[in-house]
């Protein structure tokens, strides 16, 4: 598989000289994850930073009653990893699972740190990506507090239409923090608009 998609993702976020970019992507190893296979299981440490070239994945955890709660969806051309487990080397409280067959490129924590230490441009990219993950996390947290279920649904349609093609409705409902019944009502009302 050609690493052009990975290169495009990196330079879209922070331009690099071609030679430096070629050196960076050499460290990424092509991997495939079959449908329903786990990239990360709860209780394990997230060892790899993964660029999802094709496919669809989701992250989930369990609430106090044992209900499955979807915490994130990952579409093609996105980065997949559990930030705190990856950087702090702590056991994950989330699972990340392939919803479809997935292909992409992974790099280990050690190799990523080597690149961050040795290549100033990549260090700037790493800082930008970490800040981006924090901003997305903060936005999602505030959206769950400040926005109605309808507004959260509309945001999801705008930012990740693929979710409706690949995820189960109960997974979408848990991600939006609404009941299955509320999601059905929201969808009906949205279609009337």
C-alpha atoms as a PDB file:
ATOM      1  CA  UNK A   1       0.000   0.000   0.000  1.00  0.00           C
ATOM      2  CA  UNK A   2       1.249   3.433  -0.945  1.00  0.00           C
ATOM      3  CA  UNK A   3       1.955   5.742   1.998  1.00  0.00           C
ATOM      4  CA  UNK A   4       0.717   8.800   0.106  1.00  0.00           C
ATOM      5  CA  UNK A   5      -2.439   9.040   2.232  1.00  0.00           C
ATOM      6  CA  UNK A   6      -0.303   9.152   5.376  1.00  0.00           C
ATOM      7  CA  UNK A   7       1.969  11.780   3.815  1.00  0.00           C
ATOM      8  CA  UNK A   8      -1.048  13.870   2.783  1.00  0.00           C
ATOM      9  CA  UNK A   9      -2.465  13.712   6.317  1.00  0.00           C
ATOM     10  CA  UNK A  10       0.822  14.842   7.877  1.00  0.00           C
ATOM     11  CA  UNK A  11       1.477  17.719   5.473  1.00  0.00           C
ATOM     12  CA  UNK A  12      -2.167  18.842   5.653  1.00  0.00           C
ATOM     13  CA  UNK A  13      -1.598  19.409   9.365  1.00  0.00           C
ATOM     14  CA  UNK A  14       1.941  20.774   9.088  1.00  0.00           C
ATOM     15  CA  UNK A  15       4.012  21.173   5.900  1.00  0.00           C
ATOM     16  CA  UNK A  16       7.322  19.253   5.789  1.00  0.00           C
ATOM     17  CA  UNK A  17      10.228  19.188   3.365  1.00  0.00           C
ATOM     18  CA  UNK A  18       9.742  16.131   1.081  1.00  0.00           C
ATOM     19  CA  UNK A  19      12.959  14.434   2.164  1.00  0.00           C
ATOM     20  CA  UNK A  20      12.074  14.787   5.864  1.00  0.00           C
ATOM     21  CA  UNK A  21       8.560  13.519   5.250  1.00  0.00           C
ATOM     22  CA  UNK A  22       9.878  10.468   3.378  1.00  0.00           C
ATOM     23  CA  UNK A  23      12.166   9.711   6.330  1.00  0.00           C
ATOM     24  CA  UNK A  24       9.308  10.037   8.840  1.00  0.00           C
ATOM     25  CA  UNK A  25       6.886   7.721   6.999  1.00  0.00           C
ATOM     26  CA  UNK A  26       9.566   5.007   6.742  1.00  0.00           C
ATOM     27  CA  UNK A  27       8.972   4.383  10.463  1.00  0.00           C
ATOM     28  CA  UNK A  28       5.283   3.613   9.957  1.00  0.00           C
ATOM     29  CA  UNK A  29       4.433  -0.040   9.393  1.00  0.00           C
ATOM     30  CA  UNK A  30       1.463  -1.121   7.304  1.00  0.00           C
ATOM     31  CA  UNK A  31      -1.124  -3.111   9.266  1.00  0.00           C
ATOM     32  CA  UNK A  32      -4.594  -4.470   8.677  1.00  0.00           C
ATOM     33  CA  UNK A  33      -7.268  -4.939  11.311  1.00  0.00           C
ATOM     34  CA  UNK A  34     -10.142  -7.247  10.448  1.00  0.00           C
ATOM     35  CA  UNK A  35     -13.773  -6.382  11.108  1.00  0.00           C
ATOM     36  CA  UNK A  36     -14.615  -6.841  14.824  1.00  0.00           C
ATOM     37  CA  UNK A  37     -10.914  -7.175  15.749  1.00  0.00           C
ATOM     38  CA  UNK A  38      -9.627  -4.959  18.544  1.00  0.00           C
ATOM     39  CA  UNK A  39      -6.921  -2.354  18.048  1.00  0.00           C
ATOM     40  CA  UNK A  40      -6.986  -1.818  21.824  1.00  0.00           C
ATOM     41  CA  UNK A  41      -8.688  -3.684  24.647  1.00  0.00           C
ATOM     42  CA  UNK A  42      -9.628  -2.256  28.017  1.00  0.00           C
ATOM     43  CA  UNK A  43      -6.919  -3.048  30.582  1.00  0.00           C
ATOM     44  CA  UNK A  44      -4.125  -3.028  27.977  1.00  0.00           C
ATOM     45  CA  UNK A  45      -1.642  -0.257  27.192  1.00  0.00           C
ATOM     46  CA  UNK A  46      -2.022   1.510  23.853  1.00  0.00           C
ATOM     47  CA  UNK A  47       1.362   0.788  22.255  1.00  0.00           C
ATOM     48  CA  UNK A  48       0.783   2.212  18.754  1.00  0.00           C
ATOM     49  CA  UNK A  49      -0.273   5.427  17.064  1.00  0.00           C
ATOM     50  CA  UNK A  50      -2.346   4.363  14.056  1.00  0.00           C
ATOM     51  CA  UNK A  51      -3.210   6.250  10.887  1.00  0.00           C
ATOM     52  CA  UNK A  52      -6.442   4.786   9.489  1.00  0.00           C
ATOM     53  CA  UNK A  53      -6.076   4.797   5.697  1.00  0.00           C
ATOM     54  CA  UNK A  54      -9.344   2.973   5.030  1.00  0.00           C
ATOM     55  CA  UNK A  55     -12.149   1.525   7.105  1.00  0.00           C
ATOM     56  CA  UNK A  56     -14.152   2.577  10.142  1.00  0.00           C
ATOM     57  CA  UNK A  57     -13.490   2.055  13.864  1.00  0.00           C
ATOM     58  CA  UNK A  58     -15.079   2.985  17.154  1.00  0.00           C
ATOM     59  CA  UNK A  59     -14.008   3.408  20.769  1.00  0.00           C
ATOM     60  CA  UNK A  60     -16.212   2.354  23.651  1.00  0.00           C
ATOM     61  CA  UNK A  61     -16.275   1.724  27.373  1.00  0.00           C
ATOM     62  CA  UNK A  62     -18.815   0.487  29.915  1.00  0.00           C
ATOM     63  CA  UNK A  63     -20.802   2.522  32.426  1.00  0.00           C
ATOM     64  CA  UNK A  64     -21.408   1.468  36.054  1.00  0.00           C
ATOM     65  CA  UNK A  65     -24.357  -0.675  34.977  1.00  0.00           C
ATOM     66  CA  UNK A  66     -22.341  -2.562  32.355  1.00  0.00           C
ATOM     67  CA  UNK A  67     -23.904  -0.733  29.399  1.00  0.00           C
ATOM     68  CA  UNK A  68     -21.671  -0.195  26.397  1.00  0.00           C
ATOM     69  CA  UNK A  69     -21.038   3.515  25.750  1.00  0.00           C
ATOM     70  CA  UNK A  70     -19.456   4.632  22.464  1.00  0.00           C
ATOM     71  CA  UNK A  71     -16.857   7.338  23.102  1.00  0.00           C
ATOM     72  CA  UNK A  72     -15.537   7.968  19.600  1.00  0.00           C
ATOM     73  CA  UNK A  73     -15.827   7.043  15.924  1.00  0.00           C
ATOM     74  CA  UNK A  74     -12.855   6.997  13.549  1.00  0.00           C
ATOM     75  CA  UNK A  75     -13.310   7.361   9.816  1.00  0.00           C
ATOM     76  CA  UNK A  76     -10.695   6.917   7.092  1.00  0.00           C
ATOM     77  CA  UNK A  77      -7.844   9.429   7.050  1.00  0.00           C
ATOM     78  CA  UNK A  78      -7.818   9.905  10.816  1.00  0.00           C
ATOM     79  CA  UNK A  79      -5.509   9.008  13.667  1.00  0.00           C
ATOM     80  CA  UNK A  80      -6.564   6.293  16.087  1.00  0.00           C
ATOM     81  CA  UNK A  81      -5.132   5.951  19.581  1.00  0.00           C
ATOM     82  CA  UNK A  82      -6.129   6.358  23.210  1.00  0.00           C
ATOM     83  CA  UNK A  83      -4.172   9.461  24.164  1.00  0.00           C
ATOM     84  CA  UNK A  84      -3.667   8.975  27.905  1.00  0.00           C
ATOM     85  CA  UNK A  85      -2.792   5.279  27.639  1.00  0.00           C
ATOM     86  CA  UNK A  86      -0.367   5.930  24.769  1.00  0.00           C
ATOM     87  CA  UNK A  87       1.516   8.823  26.343  1.00  0.00           C
ATOM     88  CA  UNK A  88       1.279   7.934  30.038  1.00  0.00           C
ATOM     89  CA  UNK A  89       1.688   4.167  29.553  1.00  0.00           C
ATOM     90  CA  UNK A  90      -1.397   3.465  31.663  1.00  0.00           C
ATOM     91  CA  UNK A  91      -3.961   0.726  31.157  1.00  0.00           C
ATOM     92  CA  UNK A  92      -6.761   1.865  28.901  1.00  0.00           C
ATOM     93  CA  UNK A  93     -10.324   2.108  30.157  1.00  0.00           C
ATOM     94  CA  UNK A  94     -11.539   2.111  26.545  1.00  0.00           C
ATOM     95  CA  UNK A  95     -11.746  -0.451  23.767  1.00  0.00           C
ATOM     96  CA  UNK A  96     -11.048   0.458  20.142  1.00  0.00           C
ATOM     97  CA  UNK A  97     -12.555  -1.973  17.649  1.00  0.00           C
ATOM     98  CA  UNK A  98     -12.731  -2.232  13.858  1.00  0.00           C
ATOM     99  CA  UNK A  99     -16.315  -1.869  12.617  1.00  0.00           C
ATOM    100  CA  UNK A 100     -15.182  -2.765   9.083  1.00  0.00           C
ATOM    101  CA  UNK A 101     -11.966  -4.224   7.712  1.00  0.00           C
ATOM    102  CA  UNK A 102      -9.335  -1.526   8.237  1.00  0.00           C
ATOM    103  CA  UNK A 103      -5.936  -0.751   6.740  1.00  0.00           C
ATOM    104  CA  UNK A 104      -3.396   1.814   7.748  1.00  0.00           C
ATOM    105  CA  UNK A 105      -0.006   2.572   9.241  1.00  0.00           C
ATOM    106  CA  UNK A 106       1.168   2.233  12.811  1.00  0.00           C
ATOM    107  CA  UNK A 107       4.184   3.476  14.699  1.00  0.00           C
ATOM    108  CA  UNK A 108       5.249   2.432  18.178  1.00  0.00           C
ATOM    109  CA  UNK A 109       5.521   4.819  21.101  1.00  0.00           C
ATOM    110  CA  UNK A 110       9.314   4.376  21.126  1.00  0.00           C
ATOM    111  CA  UNK A 111       9.725   5.078  17.402  1.00  0.00           C
ATOM    112  CA  UNK A 112       7.395   8.061  17.571  1.00  0.00           C
ATOM    113  CA  UNK A 113       9.389   9.518  20.451  1.00  0.00           C
ATOM    114  CA  UNK A 114      12.608   8.991  18.507  1.00  0.00           C
ATOM    115  CA  UNK A 115      11.189  10.985  15.580  1.00  0.00           C
ATOM    116  CA  UNK A 116       9.819  13.671  17.891  1.00  0.00           C
ATOM    117  CA  UNK A 117      13.242  14.019  19.511  1.00  0.00           C
ATOM    118  CA  UNK A 118      15.321  13.944  16.298  1.00  0.00           C
ATOM    119  CA  UNK A 119      13.218  15.924  13.801  1.00  0.00           C
ATOM    120  CA  UNK A 120      12.133  19.452  14.808  1.00  0.00           C
ATOM    121  CA  UNK A 121       9.403  19.594  12.123  1.00  0.00           C
ATOM    122  CA  UNK A 122       7.919  16.351  13.383  1.00  0.00           C
ATOM    123  CA  UNK A 123       8.096  17.598  16.971  1.00  0.00           C
ATOM    124  CA  UNK A 124       6.020  20.619  15.907  1.00  0.00           C
ATOM    125  CA  UNK A 125       3.577  18.224  14.219  1.00  0.00           C
ATOM    126  CA  UNK A 126       3.387  16.121  17.420  1.00  0.00           C
ATOM    127  CA  UNK A 127       2.642  19.169  19.567  1.00  0.00           C
ATOM    128  CA  UNK A 128      -0.044  20.285  17.118  1.00  0.00           C
ATOM    129  CA  UNK A 129      -1.663  16.826  17.064  1.00  0.00           C
ATOM    130  CA  UNK A 130      -1.651  16.540  20.856  1.00  0.00           C
ATOM    131  CA  UNK A 131      -3.208  19.994  21.168  1.00  0.00           C
ATOM    132  CA  UNK A 132      -5.789  19.021  18.542  1.00  0.00           C
ATOM    133  CA  UNK A 133      -6.750  15.870  20.462  1.00  0.00           C
ATOM    134  CA  UNK A 134      -7.151  17.912  23.637  1.00  0.00           C
ATOM    135  CA  UNK A 135      -9.312  20.516  21.862  1.00  0.00           C
ATOM    136  CA  UNK A 136     -11.546  17.801  20.356  1.00  0.00           C
ATOM    137  CA  UNK A 137     -11.898  16.116  23.742  1.00  0.00           C
ATOM    138  CA  UNK A 138     -12.754  19.410  25.448  1.00  0.00           C
ATOM    139  CA  UNK A 139     -15.250  20.324  22.714  1.00  0.00           C
ATOM    140  CA  UNK A 140     -16.973  16.946  22.981  1.00  0.00           C
ATOM    141  CA  UNK A 141     -17.199  17.266  26.781  1.00  0.00           C
ATOM    142  CA  UNK A 142     -18.712  20.748  26.553  1.00  0.00           C
ATOM    143  CA  UNK A 143     -21.067  19.715  23.742  1.00  0.00           C
ATOM    144  CA  UNK A 144     -22.464  16.944  25.955  1.00  0.00           C
ATOM    145  CA  UNK A 145     -23.187  19.571  28.608  1.00  0.00           C
ATOM    146  CA  UNK A 146     -24.225  22.577  26.531  1.00  0.00           C
ATOM    147  CA  UNK A 147     -25.934  21.211  23.415  1.00  0.00           C
ATOM    148  CA  UNK A 148     -29.246  19.454  22.976  1.00  0.00           C
ATOM    149  CA  UNK A 149     -29.370  15.931  21.583  1.00  0.00           C
ATOM    150  CA  UNK A 150     -30.635  17.416  18.325  1.00  0.00           C
ATOM    151  CA  UNK A 151     -27.648  19.773  18.057  1.00  0.00           C
ATOM    152  CA  UNK A 152     -25.207  16.949  18.842  1.00  0.00           C
ATOM    153  CA  UNK A 153     -26.879  14.837  16.130  1.00  0.00           C
ATOM    154  CA  UNK A 154     -26.552  17.663  13.608  1.00  0.00           C
ATOM    155  CA  UNK A 155     -22.865  18.108  14.510  1.00  0.00           C
ATOM    156  CA  UNK A 156     -22.265  14.388  13.961  1.00  0.00           C
ATOM    157  CA  UNK A 157     -23.927  14.462  10.545  1.00  0.00           C
ATOM    158  CA  UNK A 158     -21.794  17.466   9.591  1.00  0.00           C
ATOM    159  CA  UNK A 159     -18.466  16.049  10.807  1.00  0.00           C
ATOM    160  CA  UNK A 160     -18.801  12.289  10.280  1.00  0.00           C
ATOM    161  CA  UNK A 161     -21.546  11.166   7.877  1.00  0.00           C
ATOM    162  CA  UNK A 162     -19.906   7.729   7.568  1.00  0.00           C
ATOM    163  CA  UNK A 163     -21.000   6.926  11.101  1.00  0.00           C
ATOM    164  CA  UNK A 164     -24.560   6.410   9.839  1.00  0.00           C
ATOM    165  CA  UNK A 165     -23.327   3.982   7.196  1.00  0.00           C
ATOM    166  CA  UNK A 166     -21.239   1.800   9.512  1.00  0.00           C
ATOM    167  CA  UNK A 167     -22.295   2.154  13.155  1.00  0.00           C
ATOM    168  CA  UNK A 168     -25.333   0.609  14.799  1.00  0.00           C
ATOM    169  CA  UNK A 169     -28.029   3.047  15.921  1.00  0.00           C
ATOM    170  CA  UNK A 170     -27.588   2.036  19.590  1.00  0.00           C
ATOM    171  CA  UNK A 171     -23.872   2.924  19.284  1.00  0.00           C
ATOM    172  CA  UNK A 172     -24.729   6.313  17.801  1.00  0.00           C
ATOM    173  CA  UNK A 173     -27.317   6.917  20.526  1.00  0.00           C
ATOM    174  CA  UNK A 174     -24.798   6.134  23.289  1.00  0.00           C
ATOM    175  CA  UNK A 175     -22.215   8.398  21.629  1.00  0.00           C
ATOM    176  CA  UNK A 176     -24.752  11.241  21.534  1.00  0.00           C
ATOM    177  CA  UNK A 177     -25.842  10.447  25.110  1.00  0.00           C
ATOM    178  CA  UNK A 178     -29.473   9.983  24.114  1.00  0.00           C
ATOM    179  CA  UNK A 179     -31.795   7.002  24.333  1.00  0.00           C
ATOM    180  CA  UNK A 180     -32.502   4.843  21.277  1.00  0.00           C
ATOM    181  CA  UNK A 181     -36.069   6.221  21.275  1.00  0.00           C
ATOM    182  CA  UNK A 182     -34.832   9.825  21.399  1.00  0.00           C
ATOM    183  CA  UNK A 183     -32.440   9.151  18.522  1.00  0.00           C
ATOM    184  CA  UNK A 184     -35.299   7.772  16.407  1.00  0.00           C
ATOM    185  CA  UNK A 185     -37.365  10.888  17.131  1.00  0.00           C
ATOM    186  CA  UNK A 186     -34.416  13.218  16.395  1.00  0.00           C
ATOM    187  CA  UNK A 187     -33.755  11.446  13.087  1.00  0.00           C
ATOM    188  CA  UNK A 188     -37.418  11.700  12.040  1.00  0.00           C
ATOM    189  CA  UNK A 189     -37.536  15.401  12.891  1.00  0.00           C
ATOM    190  CA  UNK A 190     -34.240  16.058  11.141  1.00  0.00           C
ATOM    191  CA  UNK A 191     -35.497  14.399   7.937  1.00  0.00           C
ATOM    192  CA  UNK A 192     -38.524  16.733   7.923  1.00  0.00           C
ATOM    193  CA  UNK A 193     -36.272  19.812   7.754  1.00  0.00           C
END
